[in-house]
Amino acid sequence: MAEKPLKIGIVMDPIGSITPKKDSSLAMLLEASRRDAEIHYFEQQDLRMLSGKAIGRSTRLTVRDDNDDWFDFGEQKDIELGGLDAILMRKDPPFNMEYVYTTYILDRAKLAGALVVNAPQALRDMNEKAYTAWFPECTPLTLVTRSMQEMKAFLGEHGRIVVKPLDGMGGRSIFVIKQGDNNANVIFETLTDYGRQFAMAQVFIPEITLCSSTAKRFHMRWHEFRLATIIGATSSLARQLKGSLCLTLTNEFVPRLGQYCGIRACYLPASTSSAST
């Protein structure tokens, strides 16, 4: 007897506004479609709670690998989110109270039986750039502060730094500043709103550009693996992904990543061809 197709939900920004050639959410949906999953599409306004039940206005979604024409919408109907096998939370920042309220609804879906990726609690606790504080051995020297003077001192000590808001995405409002840059003070004022909000500064690492293209391939393949893990990939897929990894992951680091992000993580030892979860 043939198995029933998995029901996969996704909460995301309008799919018509994405850049399909580099969008990781679409990459996961394409893999789900290849495995004949039933895809249910939601935007934030489609979600609600009624008497504690998580409900969504589902739109059936068909996707294809075509940068000019990548999706079609199907029927719409209200469904209980707990009845889905898995829900991918892919809404982009900002991480504001509307985002938090969305995770509360997804918490109720999780309690009703749906696998929510990433876990709603993890999204609240470890959202945005501040979560890197839990992995200092894997990041450049990092300062999180509201103080413009502390940022200025950090620049003076290290000579070249990267500064960014904690809640941005897609490279927005990220600046590389050198010692003596005439715009440094204005940038510090803008990012901290004159000392009223936290921002991040990191030591600049020029070597990071050497692996940028490979890292992008890793990023896409990692998302494919994550979805494959959810819907039962075999170790053969893990072996395929082994050659795509740009980063060296340790036995200690990957389980921690899985713990904090609420996902099953994969470590691929160099000496074997199997994957552990």
Protein backbone atom coordinates (compact mmCIF):
# COMPACT_ATOMS: atom_id res chain seq x y z
CA MET A 1 0.00 0.00 0.00
CA ALA A 2 1.45 3.36 -1.04
CA GLU A 3 2.32 5.78 1.73
CA LYS A 4 0.31 8.97 2.00
CA PRO A 5 2.19 12.08 0.89
CA LEU A 6 3.53 14.20 3.71
CA LYS A 7 1.73 17.45 4.43
CA ILE A 8 4.29 20.24 4.64
CA GLY A 9 3.31 23.76 5.68
CA ILE A 10 5.46 26.83 5.16
CA VAL A 11 5.10 30.28 6.73
CA MET A 12 7.00 32.85 4.68
CA ASP A 13 7.00 36.26 3.07
CA PRO A 14 5.06 36.56 -0.21
CA ILE A 15 6.52 33.93 -2.51
CA GLY A 16 6.07 36.19 -5.50
CA SER A 17 8.61 38.64 -4.07
CA ILE A 18 11.51 36.21 -3.58
CA THR A 19 14.59 35.88 -5.79
CA PRO A 20 14.17 32.25 -6.88
CA LYS A 21 17.72 31.57 -8.01
CA LYS A 22 19.08 32.05 -4.46
CA ASP A 23 16.11 31.57 -2.15
CA SER A 24 16.65 28.73 0.33
CA SER A 25 12.95 28.41 1.18
CA LEU A 26 12.21 27.68 -2.47
CA ALA A 27 15.06 25.15 -2.50
CA MET A 28 13.38 23.26 0.34
CA LEU A 29 9.99 23.45 -1.33
CA LEU A 30 11.45 22.09 -4.56
CA GLU A 31 12.85 19.13 -2.64
CA ALA A 32 9.51 18.58 -0.92
CA SER A 33 7.77 18.69 -4.28
CA ARG A 34 10.25 16.19 -5.72
CA ARG A 35 9.21 13.85 -2.93
CA ASP A 36 5.51 14.37 -3.77
CA ALA A 37 4.75 16.26 -0.55
CA GLU A 38 1.52 18.21 -0.24
CA ILE A 39 2.56 21.83 0.28
CA HIS A 40 0.44 24.30 2.26
CA TYR A 41 1.46 27.95 1.97
CA PHE A 42 0.83 30.61 4.65
CA GLU A 43 1.72 34.21 5.24
CA GLN A 44 1.44 35.70 8.72
CA GLN A 45 -2.01 37.14 8.10
CA ASP A 46 -3.28 33.62 7.33
CA LEU A 47 -2.67 32.37 10.88
CA ARG A 48 -4.93 32.63 13.89
CA MET A 49 -5.86 30.91 17.16
CA LEU A 50 -9.40 29.95 18.10
CA SER A 51 -10.04 28.55 21.57
CA GLY A 52 -6.37 27.60 21.79
CA LYS A 53 -6.25 25.82 18.42
CA ALA A 54 -3.79 26.96 15.77
CA ILE A 55 -5.65 27.47 12.49
CA GLY A 56 -4.43 28.69 9.14
CA ARG A 57 -5.94 29.75 5.84
CA SER A 58 -4.01 27.31 3.67
CA THR A 59 -3.22 27.89 0.00
CA ARG A 60 -2.07 24.78 -1.84
CA LEU A 61 1.21 25.51 -3.57
CA THR A 62 2.97 24.04 -6.59
CA VAL A 63 6.60 25.00 -7.22
CA ARG A 64 9.09 24.43 -10.03
CA ASP A 65 12.72 25.24 -10.73
CA ASP A 66 12.14 28.12 -13.11
CA ASN A 67 13.53 31.56 -12.31
CA ASP A 68 10.82 33.26 -14.39
CA ASP A 69 7.78 31.23 -13.30
CA TRP A 70 8.38 29.35 -10.06
CA PHE A 71 4.98 28.78 -8.43
CA ASP A 72 1.23 28.38 -8.82
CA PHE A 73 -1.48 28.71 -6.20
CA GLY A 74 -4.26 26.18 -5.79
CA GLU A 75 -7.30 25.82 -3.56
CA GLN A 76 -7.68 27.68 -0.28
CA LYS A 77 -9.23 26.35 2.88
CA ASP A 78 -8.99 26.64 6.66
CA ILE A 79 -7.06 23.82 8.33
CA GLU A 80 -5.81 23.00 11.82
CA LEU A 81 -2.07 23.47 11.74
CA GLY A 82 -1.53 20.57 14.12
CA GLY A 83 -2.74 18.24 11.37
CA LEU A 84 0.31 18.99 9.21
CA ASP A 85 3.31 16.69 9.38
CA ALA A 86 5.79 19.58 9.41
CA ILE A 87 5.72 23.37 9.30
CA LEU A 88 8.69 25.39 8.07
CA MET A 89 8.89 28.81 9.75
CA ARG A 90 10.65 30.87 7.08
CA LYS A 91 9.40 34.39 7.77
CA ASP A 92 12.18 36.94 7.35
CA PRO A 93 13.03 39.56 10.00
CA PRO A 94 12.32 41.99 11.52
CA PHE A 95 12.10 40.07 14.77
CA ASN A 96 9.30 42.12 16.31
CA MET A 97 6.24 41.33 18.43
CA GLU A 98 4.29 40.23 15.35
CA TYR A 99 7.01 37.65 14.77
CA VAL A 100 6.77 36.57 18.42
CA TYR A 101 2.98 36.23 18.19
CA THR A 102 3.43 34.04 15.13
CA THR A 103 5.71 31.72 17.11
CA TYR A 104 3.03 31.45 19.81
CA ILE A 105 0.57 30.19 17.21
CA LEU A 106 3.16 27.73 15.95
CA ASP A 107 3.74 26.57 19.53
CA ARG A 108 0.09 25.55 19.66
CA ALA A 109 0.52 23.72 16.33
CA LYS A 110 3.51 21.90 17.76
CA LEU A 111 1.57 20.83 20.84
CA ALA A 112 -1.16 19.52 18.52
CA GLY A 113 1.30 17.24 16.74
CA ALA A 114 3.06 19.18 13.95
CA LEU A 115 6.84 19.25 13.71
CA VAL A 116 7.75 22.95 13.58
CA VAL A 117 11.16 23.82 12.13
CA ASN A 118 12.79 25.68 13.66
CA ALA A 119 11.22 25.19 17.08
CA PRO A 120 9.18 28.27 18.09
CA GLN A 121 10.89 28.48 21.49
CA ALA A 122 14.29 28.39 19.77
CA LEU A 123 13.25 31.16 17.39
CA ARG A 124 12.34 33.38 20.34
CA ASP A 125 15.40 32.55 22.42
CA MET A 126 18.05 32.44 19.70
CA ASN A 127 16.83 34.81 17.03
CA GLU A 128 18.98 37.21 15.07
CA LYS A 129 22.67 37.92 15.45
CA ALA A 130 22.91 37.96 19.24
CA TYR A 131 22.75 34.14 19.31
CA THR A 132 26.37 34.04 18.14
CA ALA A 133 27.36 34.81 21.74
CA TRP A 134 26.76 31.11 22.46
CA PHE A 135 29.39 30.14 19.86
CA PRO A 136 32.29 32.60 20.42
CA GLU A 137 34.84 30.03 19.22
CA CYS A 138 33.18 30.07 15.78
CA THR A 139 32.93 33.84 15.27
CA PRO A 140 35.22 36.86 14.99
CA LEU A 141 35.75 38.89 18.16
CA THR A 142 32.32 40.45 18.68
CA LEU A 143 31.03 43.44 20.65
CA VAL A 144 27.31 44.01 21.31
CA THR A 145 26.64 47.43 22.82
CA ARG A 146 24.49 50.57 22.75
CA SER A 147 27.52 52.77 23.43
CA MET A 148 28.95 54.78 20.54
CA GLN A 149 32.11 55.36 22.59
CA GLU A 150 32.65 51.62 23.06
CA MET A 151 32.26 51.09 19.30
CA LYS A 152 34.74 53.88 18.64
CA ALA A 153 37.21 52.33 21.07
CA PHE A 154 36.73 48.91 19.45
CA LEU A 155 37.57 50.44 16.06
CA GLY A 156 40.63 52.15 17.52
CA GLU A 157 41.88 48.88 18.99
CA HIS A 158 41.39 46.71 15.89
CA GLY A 159 41.77 49.14 12.99
CA ARG A 160 39.11 47.63 10.72
CA ILE A 161 35.71 46.36 11.85
CA VAL A 162 32.28 45.38 10.58
CA VAL A 163 29.24 46.98 12.23
CA LYS A 164 25.62 45.95 11.81
CA PRO A 165 22.17 46.09 13.45
CA LEU A 166 21.08 43.06 15.47
CA ASP A 167 17.80 42.66 13.64
CA GLY A 168 18.67 43.08 9.98
CA MET A 169 19.02 40.61 7.13
CA GLY A 170 20.26 40.31 3.58
CA GLY A 171 23.26 42.59 4.08
CA ARG A 172 21.18 45.61 5.07
CA SER A 173 22.91 48.38 7.03
CA ILE A 174 26.20 46.49 7.29
CA PHE A 175 29.31 48.67 7.13
CA VAL A 176 33.05 48.00 7.00
CA ILE A 177 34.88 50.82 8.79
CA LYS A 178 38.60 51.58 8.87
CA GLN A 179 40.46 53.63 11.43
CA GLY A 180 40.22 57.28 10.36
CA ASP A 181 37.00 56.82 8.37
CA ASN A 182 35.23 60.19 8.39
CA ASN A 183 31.80 58.49 8.40
CA ALA A 184 32.47 56.30 11.45
CA ASN A 185 30.70 58.51 13.99
CA VAL A 186 27.63 58.93 11.80
CA ILE A 187 27.42 55.16 11.32
CA PHE A 188 27.69 54.53 15.07
CA GLU A 189 24.99 57.15 15.73
CA THR A 190 22.67 55.61 13.14
CA LEU A 191 23.08 51.98 14.21
CA THR A 192 22.67 52.71 17.94
CA ASP A 193 20.08 55.47 17.44
CA TYR A 194 22.31 57.74 19.52
CA GLY A 195 22.81 55.12 22.22
CA ARG A 196 19.19 53.96 22.46
CA GLN A 197 19.48 50.52 20.81
CA PHE A 198 21.96 47.67 20.70
CA ALA A 199 24.16 47.04 17.67
CA MET A 200 27.05 44.71 16.84
CA ALA A 201 30.68 45.27 15.91
CA GLN A 202 33.08 42.53 14.80
CA VAL A 203 36.73 42.39 13.87
CA PHE A 204 37.04 42.33 10.07
CA ILE A 205 38.38 39.06 8.63
CA PRO A 206 39.58 39.54 5.02
CA GLU A 207 40.03 35.79 4.51
CA ILE A 208 36.25 35.23 4.66
CA THR A 209 35.89 36.27 1.02
CA LEU A 210 38.03 33.33 -0.11
CA CYS A 211 35.25 30.88 0.65
CA SER A 212 32.18 32.99 -0.13
CA SER A 213 31.00 31.13 -3.25
CA THR A 214 31.52 27.71 -1.65
CA ALA A 215 29.76 28.92 1.49
CA LYS A 216 26.72 29.87 -0.58
CA ARG A 217 26.62 26.36 -2.05
CA PHE A 218 26.94 24.94 1.45
CA HIS A 219 24.07 27.14 2.63
CA MET A 220 21.72 25.83 -0.04
CA ARG A 221 22.75 22.19 0.37
CA TRP A 222 22.45 22.44 4.16
CA HIS A 223 18.84 23.58 3.83
CA GLU A 224 18.17 20.70 1.43
CA PHE A 225 19.65 18.32 3.98
CA ARG A 226 17.59 19.81 6.78
CA LEU A 227 14.38 19.20 4.87
CA ALA A 228 15.57 15.76 3.84
CA THR A 229 16.16 14.95 7.51
CA ILE A 230 12.60 15.97 8.32
CA ILE A 231 11.09 13.79 5.63
CA GLY A 232 13.33 10.79 6.04
CA ALA A 233 16.42 11.07 3.90
CA THR A 234 18.74 8.09 3.63
CA SER A 235 22.43 8.09 4.45
CA SER A 236 23.14 8.17 0.71
CA LEU A 237 21.96 11.79 0.62
CA ALA A 238 24.22 12.58 3.55
CA ARG A 239 27.13 11.10 1.63
CA GLN A 240 26.28 13.32 -1.34
CA LEU A 241 26.23 16.37 0.89
CA LYS A 242 29.60 15.50 2.37
CA GLY A 243 31.39 16.90 -0.66
CA SER A 244 29.46 20.17 -0.44
CA LEU A 245 30.54 21.15 3.06
CA CYS A 246 32.71 24.25 3.22
CA LEU A 247 32.92 24.37 6.99
CA THR A 248 34.69 22.05 9.42
CA LEU A 249 32.13 20.98 11.99
CA THR A 250 33.15 19.24 15.19
CA ASN A 251 31.40 16.55 17.19
CA GLU A 252 30.87 19.10 19.97
CA PHE A 253 29.62 21.99 17.83
CA VAL A 254 26.95 20.29 15.73
CA PRO A 255 24.86 18.82 18.57
CA ARG A 256 24.92 22.27 20.21
CA LEU A 257 23.70 23.81 16.97
CA GLY A 258 20.88 21.31 16.84
CA GLN A 259 19.99 21.93 20.48
CA TYR A 260 19.77 25.70 20.14
CA CYS A 261 18.06 25.74 16.75
CA GLY A 262 15.60 22.96 17.49
CA ILE A 263 16.71 20.82 14.53
CA ARG A 264 18.34 17.47 14.04
CA ALA A 265 21.91 18.12 13.01
CA CYS A 266 24.30 16.06 10.94
CA TYR A 267 27.99 15.45 11.52
CA LEU A 268 29.93 13.83 8.69
CA PRO A 269 33.20 12.37 9.97
CA ALA A 270 36.00 12.52 7.45
CA SER A 271 36.84 8.86 7.93
CA THR A 272 33.39 7.37 7.38
CA SER A 273 30.54 7.62 4.91
CA SER A 274 27.66 7.53 7.37
CA ALA A 275 25.78 10.34 9.08
CA SER A 276 24.73 10.61 12.68
CA THR A 277 21.83 12.72 13.90
